[in-house]
């Protein structure tokens, strides 16, 4: 949705996009939470880590399986990753474990 956003910028974008929506309420207690009025009542949502939890990615092993498929449609959905992005991912993974 937002390539370089953080949980704070995501929350701010929500506040800007839905300031007068009848089911969306900006929280008065937190800059990164909001309230959605559902059929069963109000539910508070935290934007903290929301982007990371909802980021669509494919695990490398699954990508390998899907690109090896005999079904051309499935193979077309998962083009090979450029070598640079694979190296970047490996470096980021190494940095996480240090």
N, C-alpha and C. Protein backbone atom coordinates (compact mmCIF):
# COMPACT_ATOMS: atom_id res chain seq x y z
N UNK A 1 0.83 -1.19 0.00
CA UNK A 1 0.00 0.00 0.00
C UNK A 1 0.87 1.25 0.00
N UNK A 2 1.86 1.30 0.86
CA UNK A 2 2.78 2.43 0.95
C UNK A 2 4.19 1.86 1.02
N UNK A 3 4.96 1.97 -0.07
CA UNK A 3 6.26 1.31 -0.12
C UNK A 3 7.23 1.65 1.00
N UNK A 4 7.25 2.89 1.46
CA UNK A 4 8.24 3.27 2.48
C UNK A 4 7.58 3.75 3.76
N UNK A 5 6.41 3.25 4.05
CA UNK A 5 5.73 3.75 5.23
C UNK A 5 6.12 3.01 6.50
N UNK A 6 5.85 3.67 7.60
CA UNK A 6 6.05 3.09 8.92
C UNK A 6 4.67 2.95 9.55
N UNK A 7 4.61 2.35 10.73
CA UNK A 7 3.30 2.23 11.37
C UNK A 7 2.70 3.60 11.68
N UNK A 8 3.57 4.58 11.96
CA UNK A 8 3.06 5.92 12.25
C UNK A 8 2.52 6.60 10.99
N UNK A 9 3.26 6.51 9.88
CA UNK A 9 2.78 7.14 8.65
C UNK A 9 1.54 6.42 8.12
N UNK A 10 1.48 5.10 8.34
CA UNK A 10 0.29 4.35 7.95
C UNK A 10 -0.93 4.85 8.73
N UNK A 11 -0.79 5.01 10.03
CA UNK A 11 -1.89 5.50 10.86
C UNK A 11 -2.29 6.91 10.43
N UNK A 12 -1.32 7.77 10.17
CA UNK A 12 -1.62 9.14 9.74
C UNK A 12 -2.37 9.14 8.41
N UNK A 13 -1.97 8.25 7.50
CA UNK A 13 -2.65 8.16 6.21
C UNK A 13 -4.10 7.70 6.41
N UNK A 14 -4.32 6.80 7.34
CA UNK A 14 -5.69 6.36 7.63
C UNK A 14 -6.52 7.53 8.18
N UNK A 15 -5.92 8.31 9.07
CA UNK A 15 -6.62 9.46 9.64
C UNK A 15 -6.96 10.48 8.56
N UNK A 16 -6.04 10.67 7.61
CA UNK A 16 -6.28 11.63 6.53
C UNK A 16 -7.32 11.13 5.54
N UNK A 17 -7.32 9.83 5.30
CA UNK A 17 -8.21 9.25 4.30
C UNK A 17 -9.65 9.11 4.80
N UNK A 18 -9.82 8.79 6.08
CA UNK A 18 -11.16 8.53 6.62
C UNK A 18 -11.52 9.43 7.80
N UNK A 19 -11.32 10.74 7.70
CA UNK A 19 -11.59 11.58 8.87
C UNK A 19 -13.06 11.67 9.26
N UNK A 20 -13.95 11.49 8.30
CA UNK A 20 -15.37 11.65 8.60
C UNK A 20 -16.18 10.38 8.36
N UNK A 21 -15.47 9.26 8.22
CA UNK A 21 -16.19 8.00 8.00
C UNK A 21 -16.94 7.62 9.27
N UNK A 22 -18.19 7.19 9.11
CA UNK A 22 -19.03 6.93 10.29
C UNK A 22 -18.55 5.74 11.13
N UNK A 23 -17.76 4.85 10.56
CA UNK A 23 -17.30 3.68 11.30
C UNK A 23 -15.84 3.78 11.75
N UNK A 24 -15.16 4.84 11.36
CA UNK A 24 -13.75 5.01 11.70
C UNK A 24 -13.58 6.16 12.69
N UNK A 25 -12.90 5.88 13.81
CA UNK A 25 -12.68 6.90 14.83
C UNK A 25 -11.20 6.94 15.18
N UNK A 26 -10.64 8.13 15.18
CA UNK A 26 -9.24 8.29 15.58
C UNK A 26 -9.16 8.18 17.10
N UNK A 27 -8.22 7.39 17.57
CA UNK A 27 -8.05 7.20 19.01
C UNK A 27 -7.52 8.48 19.64
N UNK A 28 -8.02 8.80 20.81
CA UNK A 28 -7.54 9.97 21.54
C UNK A 28 -6.34 9.63 22.42
N UNK A 29 -6.08 8.34 22.61
CA UNK A 29 -5.02 7.92 23.51
C UNK A 29 -3.71 7.57 22.81
N UNK A 30 -3.76 7.29 21.52
CA UNK A 30 -2.55 6.84 20.82
C UNK A 30 -2.51 7.42 19.41
N UNK A 31 -1.29 7.75 18.96
CA UNK A 31 -1.13 8.27 17.60
C UNK A 31 -1.16 7.15 16.56
N UNK A 32 -1.06 5.91 17.01
CA UNK A 32 -0.99 4.81 16.05
C UNK A 32 -2.12 3.80 16.22
N UNK A 33 -3.20 4.21 16.82
CA UNK A 33 -4.34 3.30 16.93
C UNK A 33 -5.60 3.99 16.43
N UNK A 34 -6.56 3.19 16.06
CA UNK A 34 -7.84 3.71 15.60
C UNK A 34 -8.93 2.75 16.03
N UNK A 35 -10.15 3.21 15.94
CA UNK A 35 -11.30 2.42 16.37
C UNK A 35 -12.22 2.23 15.18
N UNK A 36 -12.62 1.00 14.97
CA UNK A 36 -13.58 0.68 13.92
C UNK A 36 -14.86 0.21 14.60
N UNK A 37 -15.98 0.83 14.22
CA UNK A 37 -17.28 0.44 14.78
C UNK A 37 -17.84 -0.70 13.93
N UNK A 38 -17.73 -1.93 14.44
CA UNK A 38 -18.26 -3.11 13.77
C UNK A 38 -19.69 -3.34 14.22
N UNK A 39 -20.34 -4.33 13.63
CA UNK A 39 -21.72 -4.65 14.00
C UNK A 39 -21.83 -5.04 15.47
N UNK A 40 -20.76 -5.62 16.03
CA UNK A 40 -20.82 -6.09 17.41
C UNK A 40 -20.27 -5.07 18.41
N UNK A 41 -19.83 -3.94 17.92
CA UNK A 41 -19.29 -2.92 18.82
C UNK A 41 -18.00 -2.34 18.29
N UNK A 42 -17.39 -1.49 19.09
CA UNK A 42 -16.15 -0.83 18.68
C UNK A 42 -14.94 -1.71 18.98
N UNK A 43 -14.01 -1.75 18.02
CA UNK A 43 -12.78 -2.53 18.17
C UNK A 43 -11.61 -1.59 17.92
N UNK A 44 -10.64 -1.61 18.83
CA UNK A 44 -9.45 -0.77 18.67
C UNK A 44 -8.38 -1.56 17.93
N UNK A 45 -7.81 -0.94 16.90
CA UNK A 45 -6.74 -1.55 16.12
C UNK A 45 -5.47 -0.75 16.31
N UNK A 46 -4.36 -1.44 16.49
CA UNK A 46 -3.06 -0.80 16.62
C UNK A 46 -2.32 -0.89 15.30
N UNK A 47 -1.77 0.23 14.85
CA UNK A 47 -1.01 0.23 13.60
C UNK A 47 0.39 -0.33 13.79
N UNK A 48 0.83 -0.45 15.05
CA UNK A 48 2.16 -0.98 15.33
C UNK A 48 2.32 -2.36 14.71
N UNK A 49 3.31 -2.51 13.90
CA UNK A 49 3.63 -3.77 13.22
C UNK A 49 2.54 -4.25 12.25
N UNK A 50 1.54 -3.42 11.98
CA UNK A 50 0.46 -3.82 11.07
C UNK A 50 0.99 -4.07 9.67
N UNK A 51 1.86 -3.20 9.19
CA UNK A 51 2.39 -3.36 7.84
C UNK A 51 3.20 -4.64 7.71
N UNK A 52 4.03 -4.93 8.70
CA UNK A 52 4.86 -6.13 8.64
C UNK A 52 4.00 -7.39 8.68
N UNK A 53 2.98 -7.38 9.50
CA UNK A 53 2.12 -8.56 9.63
C UNK A 53 1.33 -8.82 8.36
N UNK A 54 1.03 -7.78 7.61
CA UNK A 54 0.20 -7.90 6.42
C UNK A 54 0.97 -7.79 5.12
N UNK A 55 2.28 -7.86 5.21
CA UNK A 55 3.12 -7.79 4.02
C UNK A 55 3.08 -9.13 3.30
N UNK A 56 2.76 -9.11 2.03
CA UNK A 56 2.72 -10.35 1.26
C UNK A 56 4.12 -10.71 0.79
N UNK A 57 4.60 -11.85 1.19
CA UNK A 57 5.88 -12.33 0.72
C UNK A 57 5.82 -13.84 0.61
N UNK A 58 6.72 -14.37 -0.17
CA UNK A 58 6.79 -15.81 -0.36
C UNK A 58 8.12 -16.29 0.20
N UNK A 59 8.07 -17.30 1.03
CA UNK A 59 9.28 -17.89 1.60
C UNK A 59 10.12 -18.44 0.46
N UNK A 60 11.44 -18.29 0.54
CA UNK A 60 12.34 -18.69 -0.54
C UNK A 60 12.13 -20.14 -0.97
N UNK A 61 11.96 -21.04 -0.02
CA UNK A 61 11.75 -22.45 -0.36
C UNK A 61 10.45 -22.65 -1.14
N UNK A 62 9.43 -21.90 -0.78
CA UNK A 62 8.16 -22.00 -1.50
C UNK A 62 8.31 -21.43 -2.90
N UNK A 63 9.05 -20.33 -3.01
CA UNK A 63 9.30 -19.73 -4.32
C UNK A 63 9.99 -20.74 -5.23
N UNK A 64 10.97 -21.46 -4.69
CA UNK A 64 11.68 -22.47 -5.48
C UNK A 64 10.72 -23.56 -5.96
N UNK A 65 9.84 -24.01 -5.08
CA UNK A 65 8.86 -25.04 -5.46
C UNK A 65 7.91 -24.53 -6.54
N UNK A 66 7.44 -23.32 -6.38
CA UNK A 66 6.47 -22.77 -7.33
C UNK A 66 7.10 -22.51 -8.70
N UNK A 67 8.34 -22.04 -8.73
CA UNK A 67 9.00 -21.79 -10.01
C UNK A 67 9.38 -23.09 -10.71
N UNK A 68 9.42 -24.20 -9.97
CA UNK A 68 9.73 -25.50 -10.57
C UNK A 68 8.46 -26.23 -11.03
N UNK A 69 7.32 -25.59 -10.89
CA UNK A 69 6.05 -26.21 -11.26
C UNK A 69 6.01 -26.54 -12.75
N UNK A 70 5.25 -27.56 -13.10
CA UNK A 70 5.06 -27.91 -14.51
C UNK A 70 3.92 -27.10 -15.12
N UNK A 71 3.20 -26.38 -14.28
CA UNK A 71 2.09 -25.55 -14.74
C UNK A 71 2.65 -24.17 -15.10
N UNK A 72 2.55 -23.80 -16.37
CA UNK A 72 3.13 -22.53 -16.84
C UNK A 72 2.47 -21.32 -16.17
N UNK A 73 1.19 -21.43 -15.84
CA UNK A 73 0.51 -20.32 -15.17
C UNK A 73 1.14 -20.05 -13.80
N UNK A 74 1.37 -21.12 -13.04
CA UNK A 74 1.98 -20.99 -11.70
C UNK A 74 3.39 -20.43 -11.82
N UNK A 75 4.16 -20.94 -12.77
CA UNK A 75 5.53 -20.45 -12.97
C UNK A 75 5.51 -18.96 -13.31
N UNK A 76 4.55 -18.53 -14.11
CA UNK A 76 4.44 -17.12 -14.49
C UNK A 76 4.10 -16.20 -13.33
N UNK A 77 3.45 -16.74 -12.30
CA UNK A 77 3.11 -15.94 -11.13
C UNK A 77 4.33 -15.62 -10.27
N UNK A 78 5.37 -16.44 -10.39
CA UNK A 78 6.54 -16.30 -9.53
C UNK A 78 7.81 -16.25 -10.37
N UNK A 79 8.05 -15.10 -11.01
CA UNK A 79 9.27 -14.99 -11.82
C UNK A 79 10.51 -15.07 -10.93
N UNK A 80 11.62 -15.53 -11.50
CA UNK A 80 12.85 -15.61 -10.70
C UNK A 80 13.25 -14.24 -10.15
N UNK A 81 13.76 -14.24 -8.95
CA UNK A 81 14.20 -12.99 -8.33
C UNK A 81 15.54 -12.57 -8.93
N UNK A 82 15.74 -11.26 -9.12
CA UNK A 82 17.05 -10.80 -9.57
C UNK A 82 18.11 -11.15 -8.53
N UNK A 83 19.32 -11.42 -8.98
CA UNK A 83 20.40 -11.81 -8.09
C UNK A 83 20.64 -10.75 -7.02
N UNK A 84 20.55 -9.47 -7.38
CA UNK A 84 20.78 -8.39 -6.40
C UNK A 84 19.79 -8.46 -5.24
N UNK A 85 18.52 -8.74 -5.52
CA UNK A 85 17.54 -8.79 -4.43
C UNK A 85 17.78 -10.01 -3.55
N UNK A 86 18.28 -11.10 -4.12
CA UNK A 86 18.59 -12.28 -3.32
C UNK A 86 19.76 -11.97 -2.39
N UNK A 87 20.78 -11.29 -2.91
CA UNK A 87 21.93 -10.91 -2.07
C UNK A 87 21.50 -9.97 -0.95
N UNK A 88 20.66 -8.98 -1.29
CA UNK A 88 20.17 -8.03 -0.27
C UNK A 88 19.42 -8.76 0.83
N UNK A 89 18.56 -9.69 0.45
CA UNK A 89 17.78 -10.44 1.43
C UNK A 89 18.70 -11.26 2.33
N UNK A 90 19.73 -11.86 1.75
CA UNK A 90 20.68 -12.66 2.54
C UNK A 90 21.44 -11.78 3.51
N UNK A 91 21.85 -10.59 3.07
CA UNK A 91 22.57 -9.66 3.95
C UNK A 91 21.66 -9.20 5.08
N UNK A 92 20.40 -8.88 4.76
CA UNK A 92 19.46 -8.45 5.80
C UNK A 92 19.21 -9.56 6.80
N UNK A 93 19.12 -10.79 6.32
CA UNK A 93 18.90 -11.92 7.21
C UNK A 93 20.10 -12.11 8.13
N UNK A 94 21.30 -11.98 7.58
CA UNK A 94 22.51 -12.11 8.40
C UNK A 94 22.55 -11.03 9.47
N UNK A 95 22.16 -9.81 9.10
CA UNK A 95 22.17 -8.69 10.05
C UNK A 95 21.18 -8.93 11.19
N UNK A 96 20.07 -9.57 10.89
CA UNK A 96 19.07 -9.86 11.93
C UNK A 96 19.60 -10.83 12.98
N UNK A 97 20.48 -11.73 12.58
CA UNK A 97 20.96 -12.77 13.48
C UNK A 97 22.21 -12.36 14.24
N UNK A 98 22.71 -11.18 13.99
CA UNK A 98 23.92 -10.72 14.70
C UNK A 98 23.58 -10.08 16.01
